[in-house]
Amino acid sequence: MSELLTAVTLSGQQVRLEPLQASHCAGLQEAVRDGELWRLWYTSVPKPDAMAAEITRRLALHSRGTMLPFTVCNAEGRIVGMTTYMNIDRVNRRVEIGSTWLAASCQRGPMNTEAKLLLLGHAFEKLDCIAVEFRTHRLNLQSRRAIERLGAQLDGMLRAHQRSADGTLRDTAVYSITAPEWPVIRSHLQWQMNKTRTES
């Protein structure tokens, strides 16, 4: 199996990213109820009763070589969300960080920043990726602001890119960070993490 698909645990001070397992289902069901995230029309978050199927889907994509899924845990080990490397391009060494959601009580805090720092660091420093992408609905302004705070640059907009769950057509905003940009992005994210710790 390509190292881009090798399951790994990534740990920081605020968050731990563990390889997704079927046994995480109950914890993920509890986490997704925090904020009823599946009700957001502009994103795709599994309902509690669909969580087992979503875990199965992500693990199947891992087996097919296109996704490396993680369960997001807080510092105490409580499950609070999901994230992935997806659309893995082993030839060109590119990945997308996506299919991410966090319990509402964990949003707008240091957990997402540290999770992205861990994922980006692993992608650029261990997997030798040339670029990491982020994609989101054009109207998901919270997600777009979060991506932009990371330092990712907008590559462009894929108009009428795909159908959303409610049948509407989604315009997809595509962002990326490239390998030459990573050192300054890493410093920026570490500064954000230190700033959050000193203010709390």
N, C-alpha and C. Protein backbone atom coordinates (compact mmCIF):
# COMPACT_ATOMS: atom_id res chain seq x y z
N MET A 1 0.84 -1.19 0.00
CA MET A 1 0.00 0.00 0.00
C MET A 1 0.88 1.25 0.00
N SER A 2 0.50 2.25 -0.80
CA SER A 2 1.25 3.49 -0.85
C SER A 2 1.28 4.13 0.52
N GLU A 3 2.41 4.80 0.84
CA GLU A 3 2.50 5.50 2.12
C GLU A 3 1.44 6.58 2.25
N LEU A 4 0.91 7.08 1.11
CA LEU A 4 -0.17 8.05 1.15
C LEU A 4 -1.44 7.46 1.74
N LEU A 5 -1.52 6.13 1.81
CA LEU A 5 -2.71 5.46 2.31
C LEU A 5 -2.47 4.73 3.63
N THR A 6 -1.27 4.83 4.16
CA THR A 6 -0.94 4.12 5.39
C THR A 6 -1.61 4.79 6.58
N ALA A 7 -2.39 4.01 7.33
CA ALA A 7 -3.07 4.54 8.50
C ALA A 7 -2.06 5.01 9.54
N VAL A 8 -2.32 6.18 10.11
CA VAL A 8 -1.39 6.78 11.07
C VAL A 8 -2.20 7.60 12.07
N THR A 9 -1.73 7.69 13.30
CA THR A 9 -2.33 8.56 14.31
C THR A 9 -1.50 9.83 14.40
N LEU A 10 -2.16 10.97 14.33
CA LEU A 10 -1.49 12.27 14.40
C LEU A 10 -1.96 12.97 15.67
N SER A 11 -1.02 13.32 16.55
CA SER A 11 -1.37 13.85 17.86
C SER A 11 -0.78 15.23 18.09
N GLY A 12 -1.60 16.11 18.70
CA GLY A 12 -1.16 17.43 19.12
C GLY A 12 -1.57 17.66 20.56
N GLN A 13 -1.58 18.92 20.98
CA GLN A 13 -1.97 19.25 22.35
C GLN A 13 -3.48 19.33 22.51
N GLN A 14 -4.18 19.76 21.45
CA GLN A 14 -5.63 19.96 21.53
C GLN A 14 -6.42 18.83 20.89
N VAL A 15 -5.79 18.07 20.00
CA VAL A 15 -6.54 17.15 19.16
C VAL A 15 -5.70 15.93 18.81
N ARG A 16 -6.35 14.81 18.61
CA ARG A 16 -5.71 13.60 18.12
C ARG A 16 -6.53 13.06 16.96
N LEU A 17 -5.87 12.75 15.87
CA LEU A 17 -6.52 12.19 14.68
C LEU A 17 -6.16 10.71 14.62
N GLU A 18 -7.19 9.86 14.78
CA GLU A 18 -6.99 8.42 14.79
C GLU A 18 -7.55 7.81 13.51
N PRO A 19 -6.95 6.71 13.03
CA PRO A 19 -7.55 6.02 11.88
C PRO A 19 -9.00 5.64 12.17
N LEU A 20 -9.89 5.97 11.26
CA LEU A 20 -11.32 5.68 11.43
C LEU A 20 -11.54 4.18 11.59
N GLN A 21 -12.41 3.81 12.53
CA GLN A 21 -12.77 2.42 12.76
C GLN A 21 -14.28 2.31 12.95
N ALA A 22 -14.83 1.15 12.65
CA ALA A 22 -16.26 0.92 12.84
C ALA A 22 -16.66 1.10 14.30
N SER A 23 -15.75 0.81 15.22
CA SER A 23 -16.04 0.93 16.63
C SER A 23 -16.22 2.38 17.09
N HIS A 24 -15.91 3.35 16.24
CA HIS A 24 -16.07 4.75 16.58
C HIS A 24 -17.50 5.25 16.34
N CYS A 25 -18.37 4.39 15.84
CA CYS A 25 -19.70 4.81 15.39
C CYS A 25 -20.49 5.52 16.49
N ALA A 26 -20.58 4.93 17.68
CA ALA A 26 -21.41 5.53 18.74
C ALA A 26 -20.88 6.91 19.13
N GLY A 27 -19.56 7.05 19.24
CA GLY A 27 -18.98 8.34 19.57
C GLY A 27 -19.23 9.38 18.50
N LEU A 28 -19.18 8.97 17.24
CA LEU A 28 -19.45 9.89 16.14
C LEU A 28 -20.92 10.28 16.09
N GLN A 29 -21.80 9.34 16.40
CA GLN A 29 -23.23 9.66 16.47
C GLN A 29 -23.50 10.72 17.53
N GLU A 30 -22.86 10.57 18.67
CA GLU A 30 -23.03 11.55 19.74
C GLU A 30 -22.47 12.90 19.32
N ALA A 31 -21.32 12.90 18.67
CA ALA A 31 -20.68 14.15 18.26
C ALA A 31 -21.52 14.90 17.24
N VAL A 32 -22.12 14.19 16.28
CA VAL A 32 -22.86 14.88 15.22
C VAL A 32 -24.18 15.45 15.74
N ARG A 33 -24.67 14.94 16.86
CA ARG A 33 -25.88 15.51 17.47
C ARG A 33 -25.60 16.88 18.09
N ASP A 34 -24.35 17.16 18.40
CA ASP A 34 -23.94 18.44 18.96
C ASP A 34 -23.99 19.49 17.86
N GLY A 35 -25.11 20.17 17.76
CA GLY A 35 -25.32 21.17 16.72
C GLY A 35 -26.19 20.68 15.57
N GLU A 36 -26.60 19.40 15.62
CA GLU A 36 -27.42 18.83 14.53
C GLU A 36 -26.87 19.21 13.16
N LEU A 37 -25.60 18.85 12.96
CA LEU A 37 -24.86 19.33 11.80
C LEU A 37 -25.43 18.87 10.47
N TRP A 38 -26.15 17.76 10.47
CA TRP A 38 -26.72 17.25 9.22
C TRP A 38 -27.80 18.16 8.64
N ARG A 39 -28.27 19.12 9.43
CA ARG A 39 -29.31 20.03 8.95
C ARG A 39 -28.76 21.17 8.09
N LEU A 40 -27.44 21.32 8.03
CA LEU A 40 -26.84 22.37 7.20
C LEU A 40 -26.99 21.98 5.73
N TRP A 41 -27.72 22.78 4.97
CA TRP A 41 -28.05 22.39 3.59
C TRP A 41 -26.85 22.45 2.65
N TYR A 42 -25.87 23.29 2.96
CA TYR A 42 -24.76 23.54 2.03
C TYR A 42 -23.57 22.61 2.25
N THR A 43 -23.69 21.66 3.15
CA THR A 43 -22.62 20.70 3.35
C THR A 43 -23.21 19.32 3.56
N SER A 44 -22.37 18.29 3.54
CA SER A 44 -22.85 16.92 3.65
C SER A 44 -22.27 16.30 4.92
N VAL A 45 -23.11 16.22 5.96
CA VAL A 45 -22.72 15.63 7.24
C VAL A 45 -23.73 14.52 7.53
N PRO A 46 -23.25 13.33 7.91
CA PRO A 46 -24.17 12.21 8.10
C PRO A 46 -25.09 12.40 9.31
N LYS A 47 -26.33 11.96 9.16
CA LYS A 47 -27.24 11.90 10.30
C LYS A 47 -26.78 10.79 11.24
N PRO A 48 -27.20 10.85 12.50
CA PRO A 48 -26.78 9.79 13.44
C PRO A 48 -27.11 8.39 12.94
N ASP A 49 -28.31 8.20 12.37
CA ASP A 49 -28.69 6.85 11.93
C ASP A 49 -28.03 6.44 10.62
N ALA A 50 -27.29 7.37 10.00
CA ALA A 50 -26.56 7.05 8.77
C ALA A 50 -25.05 6.95 9.02
N MET A 51 -24.64 7.07 10.28
CA MET A 51 -23.21 7.12 10.58
C MET A 51 -22.50 5.82 10.24
N ALA A 52 -23.12 4.68 10.56
CA ALA A 52 -22.48 3.39 10.26
C ALA A 52 -22.23 3.25 8.77
N ALA A 53 -23.21 3.66 7.96
CA ALA A 53 -23.05 3.58 6.50
C ALA A 53 -21.95 4.52 6.02
N GLU A 54 -21.83 5.70 6.66
CA GLU A 54 -20.79 6.64 6.27
C GLU A 54 -19.41 6.10 6.61
N ILE A 55 -19.29 5.47 7.77
CA ILE A 55 -18.01 4.85 8.13
C ILE A 55 -17.65 3.76 7.12
N THR A 56 -18.63 2.94 6.76
CA THR A 56 -18.40 1.87 5.78
C THR A 56 -17.97 2.46 4.45
N ARG A 57 -18.61 3.57 4.03
CA ARG A 57 -18.27 4.22 2.76
C ARG A 57 -16.83 4.72 2.78
N ARG A 58 -16.44 5.37 3.86
CA ARG A 58 -15.09 5.93 3.93
C ARG A 58 -14.04 4.81 3.99
N LEU A 59 -14.32 3.76 4.72
CA LEU A 59 -13.37 2.65 4.79
C LEU A 59 -13.26 1.93 3.45
N ALA A 60 -14.35 1.87 2.70
CA ALA A 60 -14.31 1.26 1.36
C ALA A 60 -13.46 2.10 0.42
N LEU A 61 -13.57 3.42 0.52
CA LEU A 61 -12.74 4.30 -0.31
C LEU A 61 -11.27 4.17 0.06
N HIS A 62 -11.00 3.94 1.33
CA HIS A 62 -9.62 3.68 1.74
C HIS A 62 -9.11 2.40 1.09
N SER A 63 -9.94 1.37 1.09
CA SER A 63 -9.54 0.10 0.47
C SER A 63 -9.29 0.26 -1.02
N ARG A 64 -10.04 1.19 -1.66
CA ARG A 64 -9.88 1.42 -3.10
C ARG A 64 -8.74 2.39 -3.40
N GLY A 65 -8.13 2.96 -2.37
CA GLY A 65 -6.95 3.79 -2.59
C GLY A 65 -7.19 5.25 -2.86
N THR A 66 -8.38 5.77 -2.50
CA THR A 66 -8.66 7.17 -2.79
C THR A 66 -8.89 8.02 -1.55
N MET A 67 -8.89 7.41 -0.36
CA MET A 67 -9.18 8.16 0.86
C MET A 67 -8.43 7.55 2.03
N LEU A 68 -7.99 8.43 2.95
CA LEU A 68 -7.43 8.00 4.23
C LEU A 68 -8.24 8.71 5.31
N PRO A 69 -9.21 8.00 5.95
CA PRO A 69 -10.13 8.66 6.88
C PRO A 69 -9.64 8.64 8.32
N PHE A 70 -9.98 9.71 9.04
CA PHE A 70 -9.61 9.87 10.44
C PHE A 70 -10.84 10.17 11.28
N THR A 71 -10.78 9.74 12.54
CA THR A 71 -11.71 10.19 13.58
C THR A 71 -10.99 11.26 14.39
N VAL A 72 -11.68 12.37 14.65
CA VAL A 72 -11.11 13.48 15.39
C VAL A 72 -11.50 13.33 16.86
N CYS A 73 -10.49 13.36 17.75
CA CYS A 73 -10.72 13.28 19.19
C CYS A 73 -10.13 14.51 19.87
N ASN A 74 -10.75 14.92 20.98
CA ASN A 74 -10.19 16.05 21.72
C ASN A 74 -9.08 15.57 22.65
N ALA A 75 -8.52 16.49 23.44
CA ALA A 75 -7.37 16.15 24.27
C ALA A 75 -7.69 15.10 25.32
N GLU A 76 -8.97 15.00 25.69
CA GLU A 76 -9.39 14.00 26.67
C GLU A 76 -9.74 12.66 26.03
N GLY A 77 -9.67 12.59 24.71
CA GLY A 77 -9.96 11.35 24.00
C GLY A 77 -11.40 11.19 23.56
N ARG A 78 -12.23 12.21 23.78
CA ARG A 78 -13.64 12.13 23.35
C ARG A 78 -13.72 12.37 21.85
N ILE A 79 -14.50 11.56 21.17
CA ILE A 79 -14.70 11.69 19.72
C ILE A 79 -15.53 12.94 19.44
N VAL A 80 -15.03 13.80 18.52
CA VAL A 80 -15.71 15.06 18.23
C VAL A 80 -15.92 15.30 16.73
N GLY A 81 -15.49 14.39 15.86
CA GLY A 81 -15.71 14.63 14.44
C GLY A 81 -14.94 13.70 13.53
N MET A 82 -14.92 14.06 12.24
CA MET A 82 -14.26 13.26 11.21
C MET A 82 -13.49 14.19 10.27
N THR A 83 -12.46 13.66 9.64
CA THR A 83 -11.76 14.36 8.57
C THR A 83 -11.07 13.31 7.70
N THR A 84 -10.57 13.71 6.53
CA THR A 84 -9.91 12.75 5.64
C THR A 84 -8.86 13.43 4.77
N TYR A 85 -7.91 12.60 4.32
CA TYR A 85 -7.22 12.88 3.05
C TYR A 85 -8.07 12.20 1.99
N MET A 86 -8.43 12.93 0.95
CA MET A 86 -9.29 12.35 -0.09
C MET A 86 -8.78 12.75 -1.47
N ASN A 87 -9.40 12.14 -2.48
CA ASN A 87 -8.95 12.36 -3.86
C ASN A 87 -7.44 12.23 -3.96
N ILE A 88 -6.93 11.15 -3.39
CA ILE A 88 -5.48 10.94 -3.31
C ILE A 88 -4.92 10.64 -4.70
N ASP A 89 -3.95 11.43 -5.10
CA ASP A 89 -3.27 11.27 -6.39
C ASP A 89 -1.84 10.81 -6.09
N ARG A 90 -1.63 9.49 -6.16
CA ARG A 90 -0.34 8.93 -5.78
C ARG A 90 0.75 9.25 -6.80
N VAL A 91 0.39 9.43 -8.07
CA VAL A 91 1.38 9.73 -9.11
C VAL A 91 1.93 11.14 -8.92
N ASN A 92 1.03 12.10 -8.76
CA ASN A 92 1.45 13.49 -8.63
C ASN A 92 1.61 13.95 -7.18
N ARG A 93 1.36 13.04 -6.24
CA ARG A 93 1.53 13.31 -4.82
C ARG A 93 0.76 14.56 -4.39
N ARG A 94 -0.54 14.50 -4.65
CA ARG A 94 -1.47 15.56 -4.22
C ARG A 94 -2.58 14.91 -3.41
N VAL A 95 -3.06 15.61 -2.39
CA VAL A 95 -4.21 15.16 -1.63
C VAL A 95 -5.13 16.34 -1.38
N GLU A 96 -6.38 16.02 -1.09
CA GLU A 96 -7.33 17.02 -0.63
C GLU A 96 -7.67 16.71 0.82
N ILE A 97 -7.70 17.72 1.67
CA ILE A 97 -8.21 17.56 3.03
C ILE A 97 -9.68 17.97 2.99
N GLY A 98 -10.55 17.01 3.32
CA GLY A 98 -11.98 17.32 3.21
C GLY A 98 -12.84 16.31 3.93
N SER A 99 -14.15 16.36 3.60
CA SER A 99 -15.16 15.55 4.30
C SER A 99 -14.98 15.69 5.81
N THR A 100 -14.77 16.95 6.22
CA THR A 100 -14.48 17.27 7.62
C THR A 100 -15.71 17.86 8.30
N TRP A 101 -15.97 17.41 9.50
CA TRP A 101 -16.96 18.07 10.35
C TRP A 101 -16.54 17.93 11.81
N LEU A 102 -16.88 18.93 12.61
CA LEU A 102 -16.60 18.93 14.05
C LEU A 102 -17.88 19.27 14.79
N ALA A 103 -18.07 18.66 15.95
CA ALA A 103 -19.19 19.01 16.82
C ALA A 103 -19.23 20.52 17.02
N ALA A 104 -20.43 21.07 17.11
CA ALA A 104 -20.58 22.52 17.18
C ALA A 104 -19.79 23.13 18.33
N SER A 105 -19.73 22.45 19.46
CA SER A 105 -19.03 22.98 20.62
C SER A 105 -17.52 23.03 20.42
N CYS A 106 -17.00 22.38 19.38
CA CYS A 106 -15.56 22.36 19.10
C CYS A 106 -15.17 23.28 17.95
N GLN A 107 -16.14 23.95 17.36
CA GLN A 107 -15.87 24.83 16.23
C GLN A 107 -15.41 26.20 16.72
N ARG A 108 -14.75 26.95 15.82
CA ARG A 108 -14.25 28.30 16.10
C ARG A 108 -13.29 28.32 17.29
N GLY A 109 -12.49 27.28 17.40
CA GLY A 109 -11.50 27.20 18.46
C GLY A 109 -10.20 26.64 17.91
N PRO A 110 -9.29 26.26 18.80
CA PRO A 110 -7.96 25.81 18.35
C PRO A 110 -7.95 24.41 17.75
N MET A 111 -9.01 23.61 17.94
CA MET A 111 -8.96 22.23 17.50
C MET A 111 -8.83 22.11 15.99
N ASN A 112 -9.62 22.89 15.25
CA ASN A 112 -9.56 22.80 13.79
C ASN A 112 -8.20 23.27 13.28
N THR A 113 -7.67 24.36 13.87
CA THR A 113 -6.36 24.86 13.45
C THR A 113 -5.29 23.81 13.66
N GLU A 114 -5.29 23.17 14.85
CA GLU A 114 -4.26 22.17 15.12
C GLU A 114 -4.45 20.93 14.25
N ALA A 115 -5.70 20.54 14.00
CA ALA A 115 -5.93 19.38 13.13
C ALA A 115 -5.37 19.63 11.74
N LYS A 116 -5.58 20.84 11.22
CA LYS A 116 -5.05 21.17 9.89
C LYS A 116 -3.52 21.24 9.93
N LEU A 117 -2.96 21.76 11.01
CA LEU A 117 -1.50 21.81 11.15
C LEU A 117 -0.93 20.39 11.11
N LEU A 118 -1.57 19.46 11.81
CA LEU A 118 -1.11 18.07 11.81
C LEU A 118 -1.23 17.44 10.43
N LEU A 119 -2.36 17.63 9.79
CA LEU A 119 -2.60 17.03 8.47
C LEU A 119 -1.67 17.61 7.41
N LEU A 120 -1.51 18.93 7.42
CA LEU A 120 -0.62 19.56 6.45
C LEU A 120 0.83 19.17 6.69
N GLY A 121 1.24 19.15 7.96
CA GLY A 121 2.60 18.75 8.28
C GLY A 121 2.90 17.34 7.82
N HIS A 122 1.98 16.43 8.06
CA HIS A 122 2.18 15.05 7.63
C HIS A 122 2.24 14.97 6.10
N ALA A 123 1.35 15.71 5.43
CA ALA A 123 1.31 15.66 3.96
C ALA A 123 2.61 16.18 3.35
N PHE A 124 3.10 17.30 3.83
CA PHE A 124 4.28 17.91 3.21
C PHE A 124 5.59 17.33 3.73
N GLU A 125 5.66 17.01 5.02
CA GLU A 125 6.93 16.62 5.62
C GLU A 125 7.17 15.11 5.63
N LYS A 126 6.12 14.32 5.66
CA LYS A 126 6.26 12.87 5.68
C LYS A 126 5.89 12.22 4.35
N LEU A 127 4.87 12.77 3.68
CA LEU A 127 4.39 12.16 2.44
C LEU A 127 4.94 12.85 1.20
N ASP A 128 5.67 13.95 1.38
CA ASP A 128 6.31 14.66 0.27
C ASP A 128 5.30 15.10 -0.79
N CYS A 129 4.16 15.61 -0.34
CA CYS A 129 3.15 16.08 -1.29
C CYS A 129 3.61 17.40 -1.92
N ILE A 130 3.18 17.62 -3.16
CA ILE A 130 3.51 18.87 -3.84
C ILE A 130 2.44 19.93 -3.61
N ALA A 131 1.22 19.50 -3.25
CA ALA A 131 0.14 20.44 -2.98
C ALA A 131 -0.95 19.74 -2.19
N VAL A 132 -1.66 20.52 -1.39
CA VAL A 132 -2.82 20.03 -0.65
C VAL A 132 -3.99 20.95 -0.99
N GLU A 133 -5.11 20.33 -1.36
CA GLU A 133 -6.30 21.08 -1.75
C GLU A 133 -7.34 21.10 -0.64
N PHE A 134 -8.20 22.12 -0.71
CA PHE A 134 -9.41 22.21 0.11
C PHE A 134 -10.54 22.62 -0.82
N ARG A 135 -11.70 21.99 -0.67
CA ARG A 135 -12.85 22.34 -1.50
C ARG A 135 -14.07 22.50 -0.61
N THR A 136 -14.91 23.47 -0.95
CA THR A 136 -16.13 23.67 -0.18
C THR A 136 -17.17 24.37 -1.04
N HIS A 137 -18.41 24.32 -0.61
CA HIS A 137 -19.50 25.01 -1.30
C HIS A 137 -19.22 26.50 -1.33
N ARG A 138 -19.48 27.12 -2.45
CA ARG A 138 -19.26 28.56 -2.59
C ARG A 138 -19.97 29.35 -1.49
N LEU A 139 -21.13 28.88 -1.05
CA LEU A 139 -21.92 29.60 -0.06
C LEU A 139 -21.65 29.16 1.38
N ASN A 140 -20.73 28.22 1.57
CA ASN A 140 -20.36 27.82 2.93
C ASN A 140 -19.30 28.81 3.43
N LEU A 141 -19.77 29.97 3.84
CA LEU A 141 -18.86 31.07 4.17
C LEU A 141 -18.03 30.76 5.42
N GLN A 142 -18.60 30.03 6.36
CA GLN A 142 -17.83 29.66 7.56
C GLN A 142 -16.64 28.79 7.17
N SER A 143 -16.88 27.81 6.30
CA SER A 143 -15.80 26.94 5.86
C SER A 143 -14.77 27.72 5.04
N ARG A 144 -15.23 28.59 4.17
CA ARG A 144 -14.30 29.35 3.33
C ARG A 144 -13.42 30.27 4.18
N ARG A 145 -14.02 30.90 5.19
CA ARG A 145 -13.21 31.76 6.07
C ARG A 145 -12.17 30.93 6.83
N ALA A 146 -12.57 29.74 7.28
CA ALA A 146 -11.64 28.88 8.01
C ALA A 146 -10.48 28.45 7.11
N ILE A 147 -10.77 28.11 5.85
CA ILE A 147 -9.73 27.71 4.90
C ILE A 147 -8.79 28.89 4.63
N GLU A 148 -9.36 30.06 4.46
CA GLU A 148 -8.55 31.24 4.18
C GLU A 148 -7.69 31.63 5.37
N ARG A 149 -8.19 31.40 6.60
CA ARG A 149 -7.38 31.68 7.79
C ARG A 149 -6.15 30.77 7.88
N LEU A 150 -6.24 29.60 7.24
CA LEU A 150 -5.08 28.71 7.20
C LEU A 150 -3.97 29.29 6.33
N GLY A 151 -4.33 30.16 5.39
CA GLY A 151 -3.36 30.70 4.45
C GLY A 151 -3.47 30.10 3.06
N ALA A 152 -4.49 29.24 2.85
CA ALA A 152 -4.69 28.65 1.52
C ALA A 152 -5.15 29.73 0.54
N GLN A 153 -4.77 29.57 -0.71
CA GLN A 153 -5.15 30.53 -1.74
C GLN A 153 -6.26 29.95 -2.62
N LEU A 154 -7.18 30.82 -3.04
CA LEU A 154 -8.28 30.41 -3.91
C LEU A 154 -7.75 30.16 -5.31
N ASP A 155 -7.86 28.92 -5.78
CA ASP A 155 -7.46 28.58 -7.15
C ASP A 155 -8.54 28.95 -8.16
N GLY A 156 -9.80 28.84 -7.74
CA GLY A 156 -10.88 29.17 -8.65
C GLY A 156 -12.19 28.55 -8.20
N MET A 157 -13.20 28.71 -9.05
CA MET A 157 -14.54 28.24 -8.75
C MET A 157 -14.98 27.25 -9.82
N LEU A 158 -15.40 26.07 -9.39
CA LEU A 158 -15.97 25.09 -10.31
C LEU A 158 -17.48 25.32 -10.35
N ARG A 159 -17.95 25.92 -11.42
CA ARG A 159 -19.36 26.30 -11.52
C ARG A 159 -20.21 25.08 -11.82
N ALA A 160 -21.38 24.99 -11.14
CA ALA A 160 -22.29 23.86 -11.32
C ALA A 160 -21.51 22.55 -11.27
N HIS A 161 -20.70 22.41 -10.24
CA HIS A 161 -19.74 21.30 -10.15
C HIS A 161 -20.41 19.97 -9.84
N GLN A 162 -21.38 19.98 -8.93
CA GLN A 162 -22.04 18.72 -8.56
C GLN A 162 -23.37 19.02 -7.90
N ARG A 163 -24.19 17.97 -7.77
CA ARG A 163 -25.49 18.13 -7.14
C ARG A 163 -25.39 17.93 -5.64
N SER A 164 -26.01 18.83 -4.88
CA SER A 164 -26.09 18.69 -3.43
C SER A 164 -27.21 17.71 -3.07
N ALA A 165 -27.26 17.35 -1.79
CA ALA A 165 -28.26 16.37 -1.33
C ALA A 165 -29.68 16.84 -1.60
N ASP A 166 -29.91 18.17 -1.58
CA ASP A 166 -31.26 18.68 -1.81
C ASP A 166 -31.57 18.89 -3.29
N GLY A 167 -30.66 18.47 -4.16
CA GLY A 167 -30.89 18.56 -5.60
C GLY A 167 -30.36 19.81 -6.26
N THR A 168 -29.95 20.81 -5.48
CA THR A 168 -29.43 22.04 -6.07
C THR A 168 -28.02 21.82 -6.59
N LEU A 169 -27.63 22.64 -7.54
CA LEU A 169 -26.29 22.56 -8.10
C LEU A 169 -25.31 23.34 -7.23
N ARG A 170 -24.19 22.71 -6.95
CA ARG A 170 -23.18 23.32 -6.08
C ARG A 170 -22.06 23.92 -6.91
N ASP A 171 -21.75 25.19 -6.64
CA ASP A 171 -20.50 25.79 -7.12
C ASP A 171 -19.45 25.48 -6.06
N THR A 172 -18.31 24.93 -6.47
CA THR A 172 -17.27 24.51 -5.53
C THR A 172 -16.09 25.47 -5.57
N ALA A 173 -15.78 26.05 -4.42
CA ALA A 173 -14.58 26.90 -4.28
C ALA A 173 -13.38 25.99 -4.01
N VAL A 174 -12.33 26.11 -4.83
CA VAL A 174 -11.14 25.27 -4.72
C VAL A 174 -9.97 26.12 -4.22
N TYR A 175 -9.38 25.68 -3.12
CA TYR A 175 -8.22 26.34 -2.52
C TYR A 175 -7.05 25.36 -2.50
N SER A 176 -5.85 25.89 -2.35
CA SER A 176 -4.69 25.00 -2.20
C SER A 176 -3.56 25.69 -1.45
N ILE A 177 -2.70 24.84 -0.90
CA ILE A 177 -1.41 25.23 -0.35
C ILE A 177 -0.37 24.37 -1.06
N THR A 178 0.69 24.98 -1.57
CA THR A 178 1.73 24.23 -2.28
C THR A 178 2.94 24.01 -1.38
N ALA A 179 3.76 23.05 -1.77
CA ALA A 179 4.92 22.70 -0.95
C ALA A 179 5.84 23.90 -0.67
N PRO A 180 6.16 24.76 -1.67
CA PRO A 180 7.01 25.91 -1.37
C PRO A 180 6.39 26.88 -0.36
N GLU A 181 5.06 26.90 -0.28
CA GLU A 181 4.37 27.80 0.65
C GLU A 181 4.33 27.24 2.07
N TRP A 182 4.55 25.93 2.22
CA TRP A 182 4.33 25.28 3.51
C TRP A 182 5.15 25.88 4.65
N PRO A 183 6.44 26.20 4.52
CA PRO A 183 7.17 26.73 5.68
C PRO A 183 6.54 27.97 6.29
N VAL A 184 6.10 28.91 5.46
CA VAL A 184 5.49 30.13 6.00
C VAL A 184 4.10 29.83 6.56
N ILE A 185 3.36 28.93 5.92
CA ILE A 185 2.04 28.54 6.44
C ILE A 185 2.19 27.85 7.79
N ARG A 186 3.21 26.99 7.91
CA ARG A 186 3.46 26.31 9.18
C ARG A 186 3.74 27.32 10.29
N SER A 187 4.58 28.31 10.01
CA SER A 187 4.87 29.34 11.01
C SER A 187 3.61 30.11 11.38
N HIS A 188 2.78 30.40 10.39
CA HIS A 188 1.53 31.12 10.61
C HIS A 188 0.59 30.32 11.52
N LEU A 189 0.45 29.03 11.26
CA LEU A 189 -0.44 28.19 12.07
C LEU A 189 0.11 28.00 13.48
N GLN A 190 1.41 27.83 13.59
CA GLN A 190 2.01 27.71 14.93
C GLN A 190 1.82 28.99 15.72
N TRP A 191 1.94 30.15 15.07
CA TRP A 191 1.69 31.43 15.73
C TRP A 191 0.24 31.51 16.20
N GLN A 192 -0.70 31.07 15.34
CA GLN A 192 -2.11 31.09 15.72
C GLN A 192 -2.34 30.21 16.95
N MET A 193 -1.73 29.03 16.97
CA MET A 193 -1.89 28.13 18.11
C MET A 193 -1.30 28.75 19.38
N ASN A 194 -0.12 29.33 19.30
CA ASN A 194 0.50 29.97 20.47
C ASN A 194 -0.31 31.15 20.96
N LYS A 195 -0.86 31.93 20.03
CA LYS A 195 -1.69 33.08 20.37
C LYS A 195 -2.93 32.63 21.12
N THR A 196 -3.55 31.54 20.65
CA THR A 196 -4.75 31.03 21.31
C THR A 196 -4.43 30.56 22.73
N ARG A 197 -3.27 29.90 22.91
CA ARG A 197 -2.90 29.39 24.23
C ARG A 197 -2.62 30.53 25.21
N THR A 198 -1.97 31.59 24.74
CA THR A 198 -1.62 32.70 25.64
C THR A 198 -2.84 33.54 25.99
N GLU A 199 -3.87 33.52 25.12
CA GLU A 199 -5.07 34.30 25.39
C GLU A 199 -6.06 33.56 26.26
N SER A 200 -5.93 32.23 26.36
CA SER A 200 -6.90 31.45 27.12
C SER A 200 -6.51 31.35 28.59
